[in-house]
């Protein structure tokens, strides 16, 4: 599998509401339930009305369009990283998946992915 490391740092946040969220930002993931509103965005775009936040995430995009019938792609990558002692935060779009790892574990994660036969490349700076 080919993964592309995104060039910006990400944060995982819990926000009070939708105000202050930069919907025009290039990368933005929102999860809303009856209990909370979670936001994954570039660290420089964290909303001011954040209740809690975890900074220092590196994101990897699984390259290509993943059909809904494909099975085990995310499981394979997460198992590889779990075996290396790297926890993940995963988000998905209609076309593909994104894996976030703590920046402090980035080298360890990339080594594990490469050893498992995955390709990791870097995105040009945003």
PDB file of N, CA and C in Angstrom:
ATOM      1  N   UNK A   1       0.855  -1.175   0.000  1.00  0.00           N
ATOM      2  CA  UNK A   1       0.000   0.000   0.000  1.00  0.00           C
ATOM      3  C   UNK A   1       0.898   1.234   0.000  1.00  0.00           C
ATOM      4  N   UNK A   2       0.477   2.261  -0.708  1.00  0.00           N
ATOM      5  CA  UNK A   2       1.226   3.514  -0.786  1.00  0.00           C
ATOM      6  C   UNK A   2       0.581   4.536   0.142  1.00  0.00           C
ATOM      7  N   UNK A   3       1.376   5.055   1.078  1.00  0.00           N
ATOM      8  CA  UNK A   3       0.910   6.095   1.988  1.00  0.00           C
ATOM      9  C   UNK A   3       1.695   7.366   1.728  1.00  0.00           C
ATOM     10  N   UNK A   4       1.010   8.484   1.773  1.00  0.00           N
ATOM     11  CA  UNK A   4       1.643   9.778   1.570  1.00  0.00           C
ATOM     12  C   UNK A   4       1.578  10.562   2.878  1.00  0.00           C
ATOM     13  N   UNK A   5       2.771  10.918   3.394  1.00  0.00           N
ATOM     14  CA  UNK A   5       2.832  11.708   4.626  1.00  0.00           C
ATOM     15  C   UNK A   5       2.493  13.155   4.285  1.00  0.00           C
ATOM     16  N   UNK A   6       1.505  13.707   4.964  1.00  0.00           N
ATOM     17  CA  UNK A   6       1.120  15.095   4.724  1.00  0.00           C
ATOM     18  C   UNK A   6       2.109  16.021   5.422  1.00  0.00           C
ATOM     19  N   UNK A   7       2.334  17.174   4.844  1.00  0.00           N
ATOM     20  CA  UNK A   7       3.425  18.040   5.284  1.00  0.00           C
ATOM     21  C   UNK A   7       3.099  18.919   6.486  1.00  0.00           C
ATOM     22  N   UNK A   8       1.855  18.950   6.931  1.00  0.00           N
ATOM     23  CA  UNK A   8       1.498  19.827   8.044  1.00  0.00           C
ATOM     24  C   UNK A   8       1.239  19.015   9.312  1.00  0.00           C
ATOM     25  N   UNK A   9       1.283  19.709  10.452  1.00  0.00           N
ATOM     26  CA  UNK A   9       0.994  19.064  11.733  1.00  0.00           C
ATOM     27  C   UNK A   9      -0.500  19.183  12.019  1.00  0.00           C
ATOM     28  N   UNK A  10      -1.056  18.133  12.619  1.00  0.00           N
ATOM     29  CA  UNK A  10      -2.485  18.086  12.897  1.00  0.00           C
ATOM     30  C   UNK A  10      -2.767  18.080  14.395  1.00  0.00           C
ATOM     31  N   UNK A  11      -3.987  18.484  14.733  1.00  0.00           N
ATOM     32  CA  UNK A  11      -4.487  18.446  16.102  1.00  0.00           C
ATOM     33  C   UNK A  11      -5.841  17.750  16.111  1.00  0.00           C
ATOM     34  N   UNK A  12      -6.115  17.061  17.200  1.00  0.00           N
ATOM     35  CA  UNK A  12      -7.414  16.432  17.428  1.00  0.00           C
ATOM     36  C   UNK A  12      -8.053  17.214  18.565  1.00  0.00           C
ATOM     37  N   UNK A  13      -9.246  17.759  18.326  1.00  0.00           N
ATOM     38  CA  UNK A  13      -9.867  18.674  19.284  1.00  0.00           C
ATOM     39  C   UNK A  13     -11.300  18.275  19.595  1.00  0.00           C
ATOM     40  N   UNK A  14     -11.752  18.784  20.718  1.00  0.00           N
ATOM     41  CA  UNK A  14     -13.166  18.729  21.063  1.00  0.00           C
ATOM     42  C   UNK A  14     -13.625  20.186  21.114  1.00  0.00           C
ATOM     43  N   UNK A  15     -14.640  20.534  20.332  1.00  0.00           N
ATOM     44  CA  UNK A  15     -15.106  21.917  20.240  1.00  0.00           C
ATOM     45  C   UNK A  15     -16.476  22.073  20.887  1.00  0.00           C
ATOM     46  N   UNK A  16     -16.752  23.297  21.352  1.00  0.00           N
ATOM     47  CA  UNK A  16     -18.054  23.593  21.954  1.00  0.00           C
ATOM     48  C   UNK A  16     -19.175  23.519  20.922  1.00  0.00           C
ATOM     49  N   UNK A  17     -18.918  24.100  19.739  1.00  0.00           N
ATOM     50  CA  UNK A  17     -19.912  24.133  18.667  1.00  0.00           C
ATOM     51  C   UNK A  17     -19.185  24.368  17.347  1.00  0.00           C
ATOM     52  N   UNK A  18     -19.931  24.606  16.284  1.00  0.00           N
ATOM     53  CA  UNK A  18     -19.342  24.735  14.949  1.00  0.00           C
ATOM     54  C   UNK A  18     -18.743  26.111  14.663  1.00  0.00           C
ATOM     55  N   UNK A  19     -19.002  27.088  15.522  1.00  0.00           N
ATOM     56  CA  UNK A  19     -18.459  28.417  15.266  1.00  0.00           C
ATOM     57  C   UNK A  19     -16.937  28.389  15.392  1.00  0.00           C
ATOM     58  N   UNK A  20     -16.288  29.114  14.537  1.00  0.00           N
ATOM     59  CA  UNK A  20     -14.830  29.188  14.581  1.00  0.00           C
ATOM     60  C   UNK A  20     -14.124  28.094  13.810  1.00  0.00           C
ATOM     61  N   UNK A  21     -14.871  27.124  13.296  1.00  0.00           N
ATOM     62  CA  UNK A  21     -14.246  26.061  12.505  1.00  0.00           C
ATOM     63  C   UNK A  21     -14.027  26.589  11.094  1.00  0.00           C
ATOM     64  N   UNK A  22     -12.821  26.422  10.590  1.00  0.00           N
ATOM     65  CA  UNK A  22     -12.471  26.930   9.259  1.00  0.00           C
ATOM     66  C   UNK A  22     -12.862  25.894   8.201  1.00  0.00           C
ATOM     67  N   UNK A  23     -14.084  26.008   7.722  1.00  0.00           N
ATOM     68  CA  UNK A  23     -14.593  25.051   6.743  1.00  0.00           C
ATOM     69  C   UNK A  23     -13.899  25.166   5.387  1.00  0.00           C
ATOM     70  N   UNK A  24     -13.201  26.259   5.150  1.00  0.00           N
ATOM     71  CA  UNK A  24     -12.481  26.430   3.891  1.00  0.00           C
ATOM     72  C   UNK A  24     -11.055  25.891   3.959  1.00  0.00           C
ATOM     73  N   UNK A  25     -10.663  25.342   5.094  1.00  0.00           N
ATOM     74  CA  UNK A  25      -9.320  24.797   5.241  1.00  0.00           C
ATOM     75  C   UNK A  25      -9.163  23.556   4.366  1.00  0.00           C
ATOM     76  N   UNK A  26      -7.938  23.291   3.980  1.00  0.00           N
ATOM     77  CA  UNK A  26      -7.665  22.180   3.067  1.00  0.00           C
ATOM     78  C   UNK A  26      -7.933  20.809   3.699  1.00  0.00           C
ATOM     79  N   UNK A  27      -7.694  20.682   5.004  1.00  0.00           N
ATOM     80  CA  UNK A  27      -7.910  19.422   5.716  1.00  0.00           C
ATOM     81  C   UNK A  27      -8.771  19.687   6.940  1.00  0.00           C
ATOM     82  N   UNK A  28      -9.918  19.025   6.999  1.00  0.00           N
ATOM     83  CA  UNK A  28     -10.840  19.198   8.109  1.00  0.00           C
ATOM     84  C   UNK A  28     -11.719  17.961   8.207  1.00  0.00           C
ATOM     85  N   UNK A  29     -11.735  17.359   9.373  1.00  0.00           N
ATOM     86  CA  UNK A  29     -12.597  16.211   9.638  1.00  0.00           C
ATOM     87  C   UNK A  29     -13.430  16.546  10.864  1.00  0.00           C
ATOM     88  N   UNK A  30     -14.735  16.319  10.777  1.00  0.00           N
ATOM     89  CA  UNK A  30     -15.633  16.621  11.882  1.00  0.00           C
ATOM     90  C   UNK A  30     -16.443  15.382  12.208  1.00  0.00           C
ATOM     91  N   UNK A  31     -16.528  15.081  13.489  1.00  0.00           N
ATOM     92  CA  UNK A  31     -17.384  14.005  13.974  1.00  0.00           C
ATOM     93  C   UNK A  31     -18.313  14.569  15.034  1.00  0.00           C
ATOM     94  N   UNK A  32     -19.610  14.382  14.857  1.00  0.00           N
ATOM     95  CA  UNK A  32     -20.575  14.938  15.800  1.00  0.00           C
ATOM     96  C   UNK A  32     -21.542  13.850  16.233  1.00  0.00           C
ATOM     97  N   UNK A  33     -21.741  13.769  17.537  1.00  0.00           N
ATOM     98  CA  UNK A  33     -22.730  12.861  18.106  1.00  0.00           C
ATOM     99  C   UNK A  33     -23.609  13.663  19.061  1.00  0.00           C
ATOM    100  N   UNK A  34     -24.519  12.979  19.741  1.00  0.00           N
ATOM    101  CA  UNK A  34     -25.337  13.664  20.736  1.00  0.00           C
ATOM    102  C   UNK A  34     -24.515  14.059  21.955  1.00  0.00           C
ATOM    103  N   UNK A  35     -23.281  13.552  22.047  1.00  0.00           N
ATOM    104  CA  UNK A  35     -22.446  13.752  23.225  1.00  0.00           C
ATOM    105  C   UNK A  35     -21.282  14.716  23.010  1.00  0.00           C
ATOM    106  N   UNK A  36     -20.795  14.850  21.771  1.00  0.00           N
ATOM    107  CA  UNK A  36     -19.623  15.698  21.559  1.00  0.00           C
ATOM    108  C   UNK A  36     -19.461  16.093  20.096  1.00  0.00           C
ATOM    109  N   UNK A  37     -18.563  17.055  19.895  1.00  0.00           N
ATOM    110  CA  UNK A  37     -18.181  17.524  18.571  1.00  0.00           C
ATOM    111  C   UNK A  37     -16.661  17.448  18.497  1.00  0.00           C
ATOM    112  N   UNK A  38     -16.154  16.567  17.649  1.00  0.00           N
ATOM    113  CA  UNK A  38     -14.711  16.390  17.505  1.00  0.00           C
ATOM    114  C   UNK A  38     -14.252  16.953  16.172  1.00  0.00           C
ATOM    115  N   UNK A  39     -13.059  17.533  16.180  1.00  0.00           N
ATOM    116  CA  UNK A  39     -12.493  18.148  14.992  1.00  0.00           C
ATOM    117  C   UNK A  39     -11.052  17.680  14.840  1.00  0.00           C
ATOM    118  N   UNK A  40     -10.692  17.271  13.630  1.00  0.00           N
ATOM    119  CA  UNK A  40      -9.298  16.999  13.284  1.00  0.00           C
ATOM    120  C   UNK A  40      -8.944  18.013  12.207  1.00  0.00           C
ATOM    121  N   UNK A  41      -7.917  18.815  12.480  1.00  0.00           N
ATOM    122  CA  UNK A  41      -7.548  19.872  11.543  1.00  0.00           C
ATOM    123  C   UNK A  41      -6.060  20.176  11.674  1.00  0.00           C
ATOM    124  N   UNK A  42      -5.570  21.012  10.771  1.00  0.00           N
ATOM    125  CA  UNK A  42      -4.193  21.460  10.894  1.00  0.00           C
ATOM    126  C   UNK A  42      -4.070  22.252  12.194  1.00  0.00           C
ATOM    127  N   UNK A  43      -2.951  22.096  12.879  1.00  0.00           N
ATOM    128  CA  UNK A  43      -2.760  22.748  14.173  1.00  0.00           C
ATOM    129  C   UNK A  43      -2.962  24.255  14.073  1.00  0.00           C
ATOM    130  N   UNK A  44      -2.536  24.839  12.988  1.00  0.00           N
ATOM    131  CA  UNK A  44      -2.692  26.287  12.815  1.00  0.00           C
ATOM    132  C   UNK A  44      -4.145  26.709  12.643  1.00  0.00           C
ATOM    133  N   UNK A  45      -5.054  25.751  12.461  1.00  0.00           N
ATOM    134  CA  UNK A  45      -6.469  26.058  12.232  1.00  0.00           C
ATOM    135  C   UNK A  45      -7.378  25.617  13.370  1.00  0.00           C
ATOM    136  N   UNK A  46      -6.818  25.293  14.528  1.00  0.00           N
ATOM    137  CA  UNK A  46      -7.634  24.844  15.660  1.00  0.00           C
ATOM    138  C   UNK A  46      -8.619  25.951  16.045  1.00  0.00           C
ATOM    139  N   UNK A  47      -9.912  25.621  16.203  1.00  0.00           N
ATOM    140  CA  UNK A  47     -10.901  26.634  16.578  1.00  0.00           C
ATOM    141  C   UNK A  47     -10.617  27.207  17.972  1.00  0.00           C
ATOM    142  N   UNK A  48     -10.983  28.468  18.153  1.00  0.00           N
ATOM    143  CA  UNK A  48     -10.762  29.119  19.449  1.00  0.00           C
ATOM    144  C   UNK A  48     -11.642  28.536  20.543  1.00  0.00           C
ATOM    145  N   UNK A  49     -12.805  28.016  20.190  1.00  0.00           N
ATOM    146  CA  UNK A  49     -13.737  27.502  21.197  1.00  0.00           C
ATOM    147  C   UNK A  49     -13.484  26.026  21.516  1.00  0.00           C
ATOM    148  N   UNK A  50     -12.212  25.648  21.511  1.00  0.00           N
ATOM    149  CA  UNK A  50     -11.830  24.266  21.790  1.00  0.00           C
ATOM    150  C   UNK A  50     -11.901  23.984  23.292  1.00  0.00           C
ATOM    151  N   UNK A  51     -12.527  22.879  23.647  1.00  0.00           N
ATOM    152  CA  UNK A  51     -12.638  22.451  25.042  1.00  0.00           C
ATOM    153  C   UNK A  51     -11.404  21.652  25.444  1.00  0.00           C
ATOM    154  N   UNK A  52     -10.967  20.779  24.544  1.00  0.00           N
ATOM    155  CA  UNK A  52      -9.786  19.936  24.778  1.00  0.00           C
ATOM    156  C   UNK A  52      -9.090  19.748  23.442  1.00  0.00           C
ATOM    157  N   UNK A  53      -7.770  19.544  23.499  1.00  0.00           N
ATOM    158  CA  UNK A  53      -7.032  19.340  22.252  1.00  0.00           C
ATOM    159  C   UNK A  53      -5.789  18.520  22.503  1.00  0.00           C
ATOM    160  N   UNK A  54      -5.404  17.803  21.470  1.00  0.00           N
ATOM    161  CA  UNK A  54      -4.188  16.991  21.475  1.00  0.00           C
ATOM    162  C   UNK A  54      -3.430  17.370  20.208  1.00  0.00           C
ATOM    163  N   UNK A  55      -2.317  18.051  20.377  1.00  0.00           N
ATOM    164  CA  UNK A  55      -1.498  18.489  19.246  1.00  0.00           C
ATOM    165  C   UNK A  55      -0.425  17.454  18.937  1.00  0.00           C
ATOM    166  N   UNK A  56       0.300  17.692  17.847  1.00  0.00           N
ATOM    167  CA  UNK A  56       1.473  16.883  17.539  1.00  0.00           C
ATOM    168  C   UNK A  56       1.194  15.611  16.765  1.00  0.00           C
ATOM    169  N   UNK A  57       0.247  15.641  15.848  1.00  0.00           N
ATOM    170  CA  UNK A  57      -0.082  14.472  15.032  1.00  0.00           C
ATOM    171  C   UNK A  57       0.465  14.635  13.618  1.00  0.00           C
ATOM    172  N   UNK A  58       0.993  13.553  13.068  1.00  0.00           N
ATOM    173  CA  UNK A  58       1.395  13.468  11.669  1.00  0.00           C
ATOM    174  C   UNK A  58       0.359  12.608  10.957  1.00  0.00           C
ATOM    175  N   UNK A  59      -0.057  13.037   9.769  1.00  0.00           N
ATOM    176  CA  UNK A  59      -1.094  12.312   9.029  1.00  0.00           C
ATOM    177  C   UNK A  59      -0.526  11.661   7.777  1.00  0.00           C
ATOM    178  N   UNK A  60      -1.032  10.467   7.486  1.00  0.00           N
ATOM    179  CA  UNK A  60      -0.680   9.714   6.283  1.00  0.00           C
ATOM    180  C   UNK A  60      -1.960   9.419   5.520  1.00  0.00           C
ATOM    181  N   UNK A  61      -1.955   9.744   4.237  1.00  0.00           N
ATOM    182  CA  UNK A  61      -3.094   9.465   3.370  1.00  0.00           C
ATOM    183  C   UNK A  61      -2.828   8.154   2.632  1.00  0.00           C
ATOM    184  N   UNK A  62      -3.787   7.248   2.638  1.00  0.00           N
ATOM    185  CA  UNK A  62      -3.672   6.042   1.824  1.00  0.00           C
ATOM    186  C   UNK A  62      -3.987   6.469   0.398  1.00  0.00           C
ATOM    187  N   UNK A  63      -3.018   6.341  -0.485  1.00  0.00           N
ATOM    188  CA  UNK A  63      -3.145   6.860  -1.852  1.00  0.00           C
ATOM    189  C   UNK A  63      -4.105   6.018  -2.686  1.00  0.00           C
ATOM    190  N   UNK A  64      -4.808   6.697  -3.556  1.00  0.00           N
ATOM    191  CA  UNK A  64      -5.752   6.032  -4.440  1.00  0.00           C
ATOM    192  C   UNK A  64      -7.148   6.053  -3.862  1.00  0.00           C
ATOM    193  N   UNK A  65      -8.091   5.684  -4.691  1.00  0.00           N
ATOM    194  CA  UNK A  65      -9.483   5.594  -4.268  1.00  0.00           C
ATOM    195  C   UNK A  65      -9.750   4.179  -3.788  1.00  0.00           C
ATOM    196  N   UNK A  66     -10.220   4.062  -2.558  1.00  0.00           N
ATOM    197  CA  UNK A  66     -10.507   2.753  -1.973  1.00  0.00           C
ATOM    198  C   UNK A  66     -11.989   2.436  -2.160  1.00  0.00           C
ATOM    199  N   UNK A  67     -12.260   1.401  -2.902  1.00  0.00           N
ATOM    200  CA  UNK A  67     -13.646   0.994  -3.109  1.00  0.00           C
ATOM    201  C   UNK A  67     -14.207   0.424  -1.813  1.00  0.00           C
ATOM    202  N   UNK A  68     -15.493   0.589  -1.615  1.00  0.00           N
ATOM    203  CA  UNK A  68     -16.129   0.114  -0.391  1.00  0.00           C
ATOM    204  C   UNK A  68     -16.056  -1.403  -0.248  1.00  0.00           C
ATOM    205  N   UNK A  69     -15.857  -2.117  -1.339  1.00  0.00           N
ATOM    206  CA  UNK A  69     -15.787  -3.578  -1.288  1.00  0.00           C
ATOM    207  C   UNK A  69     -14.422  -4.083  -0.814  1.00  0.00           C
ATOM    208  N   UNK A  70     -13.421  -3.204  -0.758  1.00  0.00           N
ATOM    209  CA  UNK A  70     -12.096  -3.626  -0.295  1.00  0.00           C
ATOM    210  C   UNK A  70     -12.144  -3.934   1.197  1.00  0.00           C
ATOM    211  N   UNK A  71     -11.464  -4.998   1.577  1.00  0.00           N
ATOM    212  CA  UNK A  71     -11.508  -5.459   2.960  1.00  0.00           C
ATOM    213  C   UNK A  71     -10.096  -5.513   3.538  1.00  0.00           C
ATOM    214  N   UNK A  72      -9.928  -5.013   4.755  1.00  0.00           N
ATOM    215  CA  UNK A  72      -8.705  -5.241   5.509  1.00  0.00           C
ATOM    216  C   UNK A  72      -7.574  -4.253   5.324  1.00  0.00           C
ATOM    217  N   UNK A  73      -7.755  -3.211   4.530  1.00  0.00           N
ATOM    218  CA  UNK A  73      -6.658  -2.268   4.306  1.00  0.00           C
ATOM    219  C   UNK A  73      -6.308  -1.542   5.599  1.00  0.00           C
ATOM    220  N   UNK A  74      -7.283  -0.937   6.224  1.00  0.00           N
ATOM    221  CA  UNK A  74      -7.048  -0.226   7.473  1.00  0.00           C
ATOM    222  C   UNK A  74      -6.607  -1.186   8.571  1.00  0.00           C
ATOM    223  N   UNK A  75      -7.173  -2.385   8.579  1.00  0.00           N
ATOM    224  CA  UNK A  75      -6.796  -3.391   9.579  1.00  0.00           C
ATOM    225  C   UNK A  75      -5.333  -3.787   9.435  1.00  0.00           C
ATOM    226  N   UNK A  76      -4.865  -3.959   8.206  1.00  0.00           N
ATOM    227  CA  UNK A  76      -3.472  -4.335   7.965  1.00  0.00           C
ATOM    228  C   UNK A  76      -2.518  -3.252   8.457  1.00  0.00           C
ATOM    229  N   UNK A  77      -2.810  -2.012   8.114  1.00  0.00           N
ATOM    230  CA  UNK A  77      -1.938  -0.911   8.528  1.00  0.00           C
ATOM    231  C   UNK A  77      -1.979  -0.724  10.038  1.00  0.00           C
ATOM    232  N   UNK A  78      -3.159  -0.763  10.623  1.00  0.00           N
ATOM    233  CA  UNK A  78      -3.258  -0.571  12.073  1.00  0.00           C
ATOM    234  C   UNK A  78      -2.614  -1.726  12.834  1.00  0.00           C
ATOM    235  N   UNK A  79      -2.700  -2.936  12.309  1.00  0.00           N
ATOM    236  CA  UNK A  79      -2.050  -4.084  12.949  1.00  0.00           C
ATOM    237  C   UNK A  79      -0.529  -3.927  12.893  1.00  0.00           C
ATOM    238  N   UNK A  80      -0.020  -3.502  11.736  1.00  0.00           N
ATOM    239  CA  UNK A  80       1.415  -3.276  11.585  1.00  0.00           C
ATOM    240  C   UNK A  80       1.905  -2.257  12.607  1.00  0.00           C
ATOM    241  N   UNK A  81       1.176  -1.163  12.743  1.00  0.00           N
ATOM    242  CA  UNK A  81       1.586  -0.118  13.679  1.00  0.00           C
ATOM    243  C   UNK A  81       1.389  -0.552  15.131  1.00  0.00           C
ATOM    244  N   UNK A  82       0.325  -1.285  15.417  1.00  0.00           N
ATOM    245  CA  UNK A  82       0.110  -1.785  16.779  1.00  0.00           C
ATOM    246  C   UNK A  82       1.228  -2.731  17.192  1.00  0.00           C
ATOM    247  N   UNK A  83       1.647  -3.605  16.278  1.00  0.00           N
ATOM    248  CA  UNK A  83       2.744  -4.528  16.575  1.00  0.00           C
ATOM    249  C   UNK A  83       4.041  -3.783  16.865  1.00  0.00           C
ATOM    250  N   UNK A  84       4.175  -2.569  16.315  1.00  0.00           N
ATOM    251  CA  UNK A  84       5.366  -1.745  16.551  1.00  0.00           C
ATOM    252  C   UNK A  84       5.192  -0.837  17.768  1.00  0.00           C
ATOM    253  N   UNK A  85       4.048  -0.926  18.433  1.00  0.00           N
ATOM    254  CA  UNK A  85       3.803  -0.104  19.613  1.00  0.00           C
ATOM    255  C   UNK A  85       3.387   1.324  19.294  1.00  0.00           C
ATOM    256  N   UNK A  86       2.822   1.535  18.099  1.00  0.00           N
ATOM    257  CA  UNK A  86       2.401   2.869  17.670  1.00  0.00           C
ATOM    258  C   UNK A  86       0.875   2.918  17.640  1.00  0.00           C
ATOM    259  N   UNK A  87       0.296   3.780  18.471  1.00  0.00           N
ATOM    260  CA  UNK A  87      -1.160   3.932  18.440  1.00  0.00           C
ATOM    261  C   UNK A  87      -1.531   4.888  17.314  1.00  0.00           C
ATOM    262  N   UNK A  88      -2.764   4.760  16.835  1.00  0.00           N
ATOM    263  CA  UNK A  88      -3.207   5.571  15.701  1.00  0.00           C
ATOM    264  C   UNK A  88      -4.531   6.250  16.005  1.00  0.00           C
ATOM    265  N   UNK A  89      -4.820   7.250  15.214  1.00  0.00           N
ATOM    266  CA  UNK A  89      -6.136   7.879  15.153  1.00  0.00           C
ATOM    267  C   UNK A  89      -6.490   7.860  13.676  1.00  0.00           C
ATOM    268  N   UNK A  90      -7.573   7.227  13.300  1.00  0.00           N
ATOM    269  CA  UNK A  90      -7.923   7.070  11.883  1.00  0.00           C
ATOM    270  C   UNK A  90      -9.183   7.863  11.558  1.00  0.00           C
ATOM    271  N   UNK A  91      -9.172   8.491  10.393  1.00  0.00           N
ATOM    272  CA  UNK A  91     -10.352   9.173   9.862  1.00  0.00           C
ATOM    273  C   UNK A  91     -10.495   8.787   8.397  1.00  0.00           C
ATOM    274  N   UNK A  92     -11.695   8.894   7.895  1.00  0.00           N
ATOM    275  CA  UNK A  92     -11.950   8.482   6.515  1.00  0.00           C
ATOM    276  C   UNK A  92     -12.749   9.531   5.766  1.00  0.00           C
ATOM    277  N   UNK A  93     -12.535   9.559   4.458  1.00  0.00           N
ATOM    278  CA  UNK A  93     -13.376  10.327   3.549  1.00  0.00           C
ATOM    279  C   UNK A  93     -14.092   9.318   2.662  1.00  0.00           C
ATOM    280  N   UNK A  94     -14.865   9.793   1.731  1.00  0.00           N
ATOM    281  CA  UNK A  94     -15.558   8.896   0.810  1.00  0.00           C
ATOM    282  C   UNK A  94     -14.559   8.060   0.018  1.00  0.00           C
ATOM    283  N   UNK A  95     -13.437   8.662  -0.387  1.00  0.00           N
ATOM    284  CA  UNK A  95     -12.477   7.987  -1.257  1.00  0.00           C
ATOM    285  C   UNK A  95     -11.391   7.193  -0.551  1.00  0.00           C
ATOM    286  N   UNK A  96     -10.957   7.630   0.620  1.00  0.00           N
ATOM    287  CA  UNK A  96      -9.786   6.980   1.211  1.00  0.00           C
ATOM    288  C   UNK A  96      -9.744   7.145   2.721  1.00  0.00           C
ATOM    289  N   UNK A  97      -8.692   6.620   3.325  1.00  0.00           N
ATOM    290  CA  UNK A  97      -8.494   6.684   4.771  1.00  0.00           C
ATOM    291  C   UNK A  97      -7.237   7.481   5.085  1.00  0.00           C
ATOM    292  N   UNK A  98      -7.232   8.048   6.282  1.00  0.00           N
ATOM    293  CA  UNK A  98      -6.081   8.787   6.788  1.00  0.00           C
ATOM    294  C   UNK A  98      -5.701   8.196   8.136  1.00  0.00           C
ATOM    295  N   UNK A  99      -4.412   7.987   8.331  1.00  0.00           N
ATOM    296  CA  UNK A  99      -3.887   7.452   9.581  1.00  0.00           C
ATOM    297  C   UNK A  99      -3.080   8.555  10.241  1.00  0.00           C
ATOM    298  N   UNK A 100      -3.380   8.868  11.488  1.00  0.00           N
ATOM    299  CA  UNK A 100      -2.608   9.857  12.226  1.00  0.00           C
ATOM    300  C   UNK A 100      -1.830   9.154  13.326  1.00  0.00           C
ATOM    301  N   UNK A 101      -0.566   9.514  13.461  1.00  0.00           N
ATOM    302  CA  UNK A 101       0.286   9.003  14.536  1.00  0.00           C
ATOM    303  C   UNK A 101       0.935  10.201  15.214  1.00  0.00           C
ATOM    304  N   UNK A 102       1.279  10.043  16.475  1.00  0.00           N
ATOM    305  CA  UNK A 102       1.955  11.121  17.183  1.00  0.00           C
ATOM    306  C   UNK A 102       3.306  11.387  16.525  1.00  0.00           C
ATOM    307  N   UNK A 103       3.628  12.657  16.389  1.00  0.00           N
ATOM    308  CA  UNK A 103       4.861  13.069  15.719  1.00  0.00           C
ATOM    309  C   UNK A 103       6.086  12.413  16.355  1.00  0.00           C
ATOM    310  N   UNK A 104       6.061  12.221  17.672  1.00  0.00           N
ATOM    311  CA  UNK A 104       7.183  11.598  18.377  1.00  0.00           C
ATOM    312  C   UNK A 104       7.399  10.149  17.940  1.00  0.00           C
ATOM    313  N   UNK A 105       6.373   9.511  17.377  1.00  0.00           N
ATOM    314  CA  UNK A 105       6.469   8.114  16.940  1.00  0.00           C
ATOM    315  C   UNK A 105       6.520   7.980  15.420  1.00  0.00           C
ATOM    316  N   UNK A 106       6.677   9.079  14.728  1.00  0.00           N
ATOM    317  CA  UNK A 106       6.643   9.092  13.268  1.00  0.00           C
ATOM    318  C   UNK A 106       7.715   8.194  12.655  1.00  0.00           C
ATOM    319  N   UNK A 107       8.953   8.302  13.104  1.00  0.00           N
ATOM    320  CA  UNK A 107      10.029   7.474  12.540  1.00  0.00           C
ATOM    321  C   UNK A 107       9.775   5.992  12.791  1.00  0.00           C
ATOM    322  N   UNK A 108       9.340   5.668  13.993  1.00  0.00           N
ATOM    323  CA  UNK A 108       9.030   4.277  14.342  1.00  0.00           C
ATOM    324  C   UNK A 108       7.898   3.744  13.462  1.00  0.00           C
ATOM    325  N   UNK A 109       6.886   4.574  13.234  1.00  0.00           N
ATOM    326  CA  UNK A 109       5.750   4.178  12.396  1.00  0.00           C
ATOM    327  C   UNK A 109       6.192   3.935  10.959  1.00  0.00           C
ATOM    328  N   UNK A 110       6.984   4.845  10.425  1.00  0.00           N
ATOM    329  CA  UNK A 110       7.429   4.706   9.037  1.00  0.00           C
ATOM    330  C   UNK A 110       8.329   3.491   8.860  1.00  0.00           C
ATOM    331  N   UNK A 111       9.180   3.229   9.827  1.00  0.00           N
ATOM    332  CA  UNK A 111      10.042   2.038   9.760  1.00  0.00           C
ATOM    333  C   UNK A 111       9.192   0.768   9.741  1.00  0.00           C
ATOM    334  N   UNK A 112       8.178   0.711  10.597  1.00  0.00           N
ATOM    335  CA  UNK A 112       7.299  -0.463  10.646  1.00  0.00           C
ATOM    336  C   UNK A 112       6.539  -0.635   9.332  1.00  0.00           C
ATOM    337  N   UNK A 113       6.040   0.459   8.784  1.00  0.00           N
ATOM    338  CA  UNK A 113       5.300   0.387   7.520  1.00  0.00           C
ATOM    339  C   UNK A 113       6.196  -0.074   6.380  1.00  0.00           C
ATOM    340  N   UNK A 114       7.400   0.471   6.305  1.00  0.00           N
ATOM    341  CA  UNK A 114       8.342   0.072   5.252  1.00  0.00           C
ATOM    342  C   UNK A 114       8.729  -1.397   5.390  1.00  0.00           C
ATOM    343  N   UNK A 115       8.986  -1.835   6.620  1.00  0.00           N
ATOM    344  CA  UNK A 115       9.349  -3.238   6.859  1.00  0.00           C
ATOM    345  C   UNK A 115       8.210  -4.192   6.504  1.00  0.00           C
ATOM    346  N   UNK A 116       6.981  -3.700   6.557  1.00  0.00           N
ATOM    347  CA  UNK A 116       5.816  -4.523   6.210  1.00  0.00           C
ATOM    348  C   UNK A 116       5.512  -4.473   4.711  1.00  0.00           C
ATOM    349  N   UNK A 117       6.339  -3.752   3.950  1.00  0.00           N
ATOM    350  CA  UNK A 117       6.163  -3.712   2.502  1.00  0.00           C
ATOM    351  C   UNK A 117       5.353  -2.547   1.974  1.00  0.00           C
ATOM    352  N   UNK A 118       5.004  -1.609   2.841  1.00  0.00           N
ATOM    353  CA  UNK A 118       4.263  -0.428   2.399  1.00  0.00           C
ATOM    354  C   UNK A 118       5.247   0.621   1.890  1.00  0.00           C
ATOM    355  N   UNK A 119       4.762   1.488   1.023  1.00  0.00           N
ATOM    356  CA  UNK A 119       5.565   2.593   0.507  1.00  0.00           C
ATOM    357  C   UNK A 119       5.109   3.871   1.201  1.00  0.00           C
ATOM    358  N   UNK A 120       6.072   4.682   1.678  1.00  0.00           N
ATOM    359  CA  UNK A 120       5.749   5.946   2.334  1.00  0.00           C
ATOM    360  C   UNK A 120       6.493   7.062   1.612  1.00  0.00           C
ATOM    361  N   UNK A 121       5.742   8.035   1.119  1.00  0.00           N
ATOM    362  CA  UNK A 121       6.343   9.199   0.467  1.00  0.00           C
ATOM    363  C   UNK A 121       5.840  10.457   1.166  1.00  0.00           C
ATOM    364  N   UNK A 122       6.507  11.567   0.910  1.00  0.00           N
ATOM    365  CA  UNK A 122       6.123  12.840   1.524  1.00  0.00           C
ATOM    366  C   UNK A 122       5.420  13.726   0.520  1.00  0.00           C
ATOM    367  N   UNK A 123       4.444  14.468   1.007  1.00  0.00           N
ATOM    368  CA  UNK A 123       3.718  15.432   0.193  1.00  0.00           C
ATOM    369  C   UNK A 123       4.535  16.714   0.124  1.00  0.00           C
ATOM    370  N   UNK A 124       4.435  17.426  -0.977  1.00  0.00           N
ATOM    371  CA  UNK A 124       5.070  18.736  -1.075  1.00  0.00           C
ATOM    372  C   UNK A 124       4.468  19.649  -0.011  1.00  0.00           C
ATOM    373  N   UNK A 125       5.234  20.616   0.434  1.00  0.00           N
ATOM    374  CA  UNK A 125       4.759  21.533   1.467  1.00  0.00           C
ATOM    375  C   UNK A 125       3.503  22.251   1.023  1.00  0.00           C
ATOM    376  N   UNK A 126       2.578  22.407   1.968  1.00  0.00           N
ATOM    377  CA  UNK A 126       1.316  23.104   1.674  1.00  0.00           C
ATOM    378  C   UNK A 126       1.517  24.593   1.783  1.00  0.00           C
TER     379      UNK A 126
END
